[in-house]
Amino acid sequence: MGFNVSSDDGEIGNINITPMVDIILVLLVIFMVTANFIKRESVNINLPKVAAADPDTGRSVMVAITREGDVLLEGHKTDEAGLISKLSGESKIRPNMRVNLSADESISYGALARVMGVIKNSGVNRIALSVKR
């Protein structure tokens, strides 16, 4: 398909890009196949099921409560003081930020209410509860 036309000076008039395209396509296929095997580290939380849920959770801070009662902020274990300090600093920068609260369905209502109170005390006014559909 690509042939070289050379003049008397030895200059190449056309460049064959077919091998380059083949290599790029092979790399793309390898990337697509291996992307399925990459697993994000996640927290094992059994969310309660509901009929309707808010699909817009992209720009929110993630807080999770595990079955054991541990509080996680963006996947890292924290205590109430750490949660307040990090969320209050973030809420001053983004006043309308939303906290997406995920809690295991087996935790008590009191533990959930306590963490929600901590989030409210840090200056965050918008709390969304994560559920399964």
C-alpha atoms as a PDB file:
ATOM      1  CA  MET A   1       0.000   0.000   0.000  1.00  0.00           C
ATOM      2  CA  GLY A   2       2.824   2.382   0.818  1.00  0.00           C
ATOM      3  CA  PHE A   3       5.595   2.442  -1.655  1.00  0.00           C
ATOM      4  CA  ASN A   4       8.639   4.593  -1.605  1.00  0.00           C
ATOM      5  CA  VAL A   5       9.296   7.018  -4.377  1.00  0.00           C
ATOM      6  CA  SER A   6      12.859   8.197  -4.294  1.00  0.00           C
ATOM      7  CA  SER A   7      14.390  10.838  -6.436  1.00  0.00           C
ATOM      8  CA  ASP A   8      17.972  11.178  -7.507  1.00  0.00           C
ATOM      9  CA  ASP A   9      18.887  12.862  -4.178  1.00  0.00           C
ATOM     10  CA  GLY A  10      17.864   9.810  -2.140  1.00  0.00           C
ATOM     11  CA  GLU A  11      14.879  11.546  -0.462  1.00  0.00           C
ATOM     12  CA  ILE A  12      11.886   9.410   0.438  1.00  0.00           C
ATOM     13  CA  GLY A  13       8.630  10.791  -0.934  1.00  0.00           C
ATOM     14  CA  ASN A  14       6.155   8.614   1.004  1.00  0.00           C
ATOM     15  CA  ILE A  15       6.293   7.020   4.446  1.00  0.00           C
ATOM     16  CA  ASN A  16       4.585   3.708   5.134  1.00  0.00           C
ATOM     17  CA  ILE A  17       2.537   4.152   8.348  1.00  0.00           C
ATOM     18  CA  THR A  18       0.831   0.745   8.244  1.00  0.00           C
ATOM     19  CA  PRO A  19       3.209  -0.875  10.785  1.00  0.00           C
ATOM     20  CA  MET A  20       2.695   2.034  13.183  1.00  0.00           C
ATOM     21  CA  VAL A  21      -1.102   1.710  12.943  1.00  0.00           C
ATOM     22  CA  ASP A  22      -0.831  -2.044  13.549  1.00  0.00           C
ATOM     23  CA  ILE A  23       1.230  -1.496  16.696  1.00  0.00           C
ATOM     24  CA  ILE A  24      -1.187   1.139  18.034  1.00  0.00           C
ATOM     25  CA  LEU A  25      -4.170  -1.157  17.453  1.00  0.00           C
ATOM     26  CA  VAL A  26      -2.433  -4.054  19.226  1.00  0.00           C
ATOM     27  CA  LEU A  27      -1.620  -1.799  22.186  1.00  0.00           C
ATOM     28  CA  LEU A  28      -5.235  -0.608  22.285  1.00  0.00           C
ATOM     29  CA  VAL A  29      -6.545  -4.190  22.358  1.00  0.00           C
ATOM     30  CA  ILE A  30      -4.086  -5.120  25.125  1.00  0.00           C
ATOM     31  CA  PHE A  31      -5.178  -2.090  27.167  1.00  0.00           C
ATOM     32  CA  MET A  32      -8.868  -2.904  26.714  1.00  0.00           C
ATOM     33  CA  VAL A  33      -8.400  -6.537  27.765  1.00  0.00           C
ATOM     34  CA  THR A  34      -6.267  -5.763  30.824  1.00  0.00           C
ATOM     35  CA  ALA A  35      -8.554  -2.914  31.957  1.00  0.00           C
ATOM     36  CA  ASN A  36     -11.212  -5.497  32.836  1.00  0.00           C
ATOM     37  CA  PHE A  37      -8.847  -7.213  35.269  1.00  0.00           C
ATOM     38  CA  ILE A  38      -7.924  -4.091  37.202  1.00  0.00           C
ATOM     39  CA  LYS A  39     -10.060  -3.982  40.317  1.00  0.00           C
ATOM     40  CA  ARG A  40     -10.448  -0.904  42.446  1.00  0.00           C
ATOM     41  CA  GLU A  41      -9.933  -1.371  46.133  1.00  0.00           C
ATOM     42  CA  SER A  42     -13.321  -1.103  47.768  1.00  0.00           C
ATOM     43  CA  VAL A  43     -14.969  -1.352  51.143  1.00  0.00           C
ATOM     44  CA  ASN A  44     -17.330  -4.253  51.733  1.00  0.00           C
ATOM     45  CA  ILE A  45     -20.599  -2.543  52.701  1.00  0.00           C
ATOM     46  CA  ASN A  46     -24.052  -4.023  52.236  1.00  0.00           C
ATOM     47  CA  LEU A  47     -26.200  -1.054  51.243  1.00  0.00           C
ATOM     48  CA  PRO A  48     -29.956  -1.125  51.844  1.00  0.00           C
ATOM     49  CA  LYS A  49     -32.165  -1.509  48.770  1.00  0.00           C
ATOM     50  CA  VAL A  50     -34.696   1.135  47.690  1.00  0.00           C
ATOM     51  CA  ALA A  51     -36.882   1.693  44.641  1.00  0.00           C
ATOM     52  CA  ALA A  52     -35.468   5.112  43.628  1.00  0.00           C
ATOM     53  CA  ALA A  53     -32.002   6.592  44.062  1.00  0.00           C
ATOM     54  CA  ASP A  54     -30.106   9.742  43.072  1.00  0.00           C
ATOM     55  CA  PRO A  55     -27.704   8.885  40.233  1.00  0.00           C
ATOM     56  CA  ASP A  56     -25.678  12.147  40.543  1.00  0.00           C
ATOM     57  CA  THR A  57     -22.951  11.240  43.045  1.00  0.00           C
ATOM     58  CA  GLY A  58     -19.922  12.239  40.983  1.00  0.00           C
ATOM     59  CA  ARG A  59     -18.785  15.413  42.774  1.00  0.00           C
ATOM     60  CA  SER A  60     -19.327  14.459  46.386  1.00  0.00           C
ATOM     61  CA  VAL A  61     -17.074  13.434  49.248  1.00  0.00           C
ATOM     62  CA  MET A  62     -17.439   9.764  50.181  1.00  0.00           C
ATOM     63  CA  VAL A  63     -17.930   8.801  53.841  1.00  0.00           C
ATOM     64  CA  ALA A  64     -18.603   5.172  54.748  1.00  0.00           C
ATOM     65  CA  ILE A  65     -19.534   3.323  57.934  1.00  0.00           C
ATOM     66  CA  THR A  66     -18.513  -0.327  57.989  1.00  0.00           C
ATOM     67  CA  ARG A  67     -20.262  -3.218  59.688  1.00  0.00           C
ATOM     68  CA  GLU A  68     -17.775  -2.927  62.571  1.00  0.00           C
ATOM     69  CA  GLY A  69     -18.613   0.774  63.032  1.00  0.00           C
ATOM     70  CA  ASP A  70     -15.398   2.161  61.513  1.00  0.00           C
ATOM     71  CA  VAL A  71     -15.762   5.516  59.733  1.00  0.00           C
ATOM     72  CA  LEU A  72     -13.952   5.871  56.402  1.00  0.00           C
ATOM     73  CA  LEU A  73     -13.366   9.157  54.588  1.00  0.00           C
ATOM     74  CA  GLU A  74     -12.574   8.599  50.900  1.00  0.00           C
ATOM     75  CA  GLY A  75     -11.536   5.017  51.754  1.00  0.00           C
ATOM     76  CA  HIS A  76      -9.212   5.912  54.639  1.00  0.00           C
ATOM     77  CA  LYS A  77     -10.101   5.098  58.251  1.00  0.00           C
ATOM     78  CA  THR A  78     -10.614   8.177  60.411  1.00  0.00           C
ATOM     79  CA  ASP A  79     -12.095   9.203  63.751  1.00  0.00           C
ATOM     80  CA  GLU A  80     -14.676  11.896  64.516  1.00  0.00           C
ATOM     81  CA  ALA A  81     -12.081  14.638  65.088  1.00  0.00           C
ATOM     82  CA  GLY A  82     -10.334  13.835  61.808  1.00  0.00           C
ATOM     83  CA  LEU A  83     -13.656  13.748  59.992  1.00  0.00           C
ATOM     84  CA  ILE A  84     -14.627  17.164  61.359  1.00  0.00           C
ATOM     85  CA  SER A  85     -11.290  18.766  60.528  1.00  0.00           C
ATOM     86  CA  LYS A  86     -11.136  17.426  56.964  1.00  0.00           C
ATOM     87  CA  LEU A  87     -14.771  18.147  56.135  1.00  0.00           C
ATOM     88  CA  SER A  88     -14.767  21.620  57.697  1.00  0.00           C
ATOM     89  CA  GLY A  89     -11.703  22.589  55.676  1.00  0.00           C
ATOM     90  CA  GLU A  90     -13.269  21.245  52.503  1.00  0.00           C
ATOM     91  CA  SER A  91     -16.639  22.899  53.198  1.00  0.00           C
ATOM     92  CA  LYS A  92     -14.953  26.318  53.487  1.00  0.00           C
ATOM     93  CA  ILE A  93     -13.479  25.843  50.014  1.00  0.00           C
ATOM     94  CA  ARG A  94     -16.677  24.363  48.513  1.00  0.00           C
ATOM     95  CA  PRO A  95     -19.680  25.738  50.437  1.00  0.00           C
ATOM     96  CA  ASN A  96     -22.264  23.683  48.473  1.00  0.00           C
ATOM     97  CA  MET A  97     -20.393  20.383  48.613  1.00  0.00           C
ATOM     98  CA  ARG A  98     -22.268  17.165  49.234  1.00  0.00           C
ATOM     99  CA  VAL A  99     -21.215  14.243  51.396  1.00  0.00           C
ATOM    100  CA  ASN A 100     -22.252  10.841  50.086  1.00  0.00           C
ATOM    101  CA  LEU A 101     -22.755   8.666  53.190  1.00  0.00           C
ATOM    102  CA  SER A 102     -22.634   4.892  52.727  1.00  0.00           C
ATOM    103  CA  ALA A 103     -23.531   2.772  55.728  1.00  0.00           C
ATOM    104  CA  ASP A 104     -23.788  -0.970  56.127  1.00  0.00           C
ATOM    105  CA  GLU A 105     -27.395  -2.031  56.599  1.00  0.00           C
ATOM    106  CA  SER A 106     -26.560  -3.899  59.797  1.00  0.00           C
ATOM    107  CA  ILE A 107     -25.341  -0.862  61.778  1.00  0.00           C
ATOM    108  CA  SER A 108     -27.626   0.768  64.304  1.00  0.00           C
ATOM    109  CA  TYR A 109     -29.635   3.869  63.600  1.00  0.00           C
ATOM    110  CA  GLY A 110     -27.819   5.612  66.446  1.00  0.00           C
ATOM    111  CA  ALA A 111     -24.411   5.087  64.837  1.00  0.00           C
ATOM    112  CA  LEU A 112     -25.711   6.493  61.555  1.00  0.00           C
ATOM    113  CA  ALA A 113     -27.284   9.492  63.301  1.00  0.00           C
ATOM    114  CA  ARG A 114     -24.060  10.149  65.238  1.00  0.00           C
ATOM    115  CA  VAL A 115     -21.963  10.266  62.041  1.00  0.00           C
ATOM    116  CA  MET A 116     -24.573  12.441  60.325  1.00  0.00           C
ATOM    117  CA  GLY A 117     -24.364  14.834  63.288  1.00  0.00           C
ATOM    118  CA  VAL A 118     -20.585  14.966  62.993  1.00  0.00           C
ATOM    119  CA  ILE A 119     -20.908  15.761  59.289  1.00  0.00           C
ATOM    120  CA  LYS A 120     -23.446  18.523  60.018  1.00  0.00           C
ATOM    121  CA  ASN A 121     -21.191  19.976  62.763  1.00  0.00           C
ATOM    122  CA  SER A 122     -18.341  20.231  60.261  1.00  0.00           C
ATOM    123  CA  GLY A 123     -20.348  22.725  58.183  1.00  0.00           C
ATOM    124  CA  VAL A 124     -21.715  20.423  55.485  1.00  0.00           C
ATOM    125  CA  ASN A 125     -25.402  21.019  54.739  1.00  0.00           C
ATOM    126  CA  ARG A 126     -25.950  18.450  51.993  1.00  0.00           C
ATOM    127  CA  ILE A 127     -25.813  14.746  52.925  1.00  0.00           C
ATOM    128  CA  ALA A 128     -26.843  11.998  50.509  1.00  0.00           C
ATOM    129  CA  LEU A 129     -27.369   8.428  51.684  1.00  0.00           C
ATOM    130  CA  SER A 130     -26.084   5.684  49.377  1.00  0.00           C
ATOM    131  CA  VAL A 131     -28.484   2.847  48.649  1.00  0.00           C
ATOM    132  CA  LYS A 132     -28.829  -0.044  46.185  1.00  0.00           C
ATOM    133  CA  ARG A 133     -31.560  -0.117  43.598  1.00  0.00           C
END
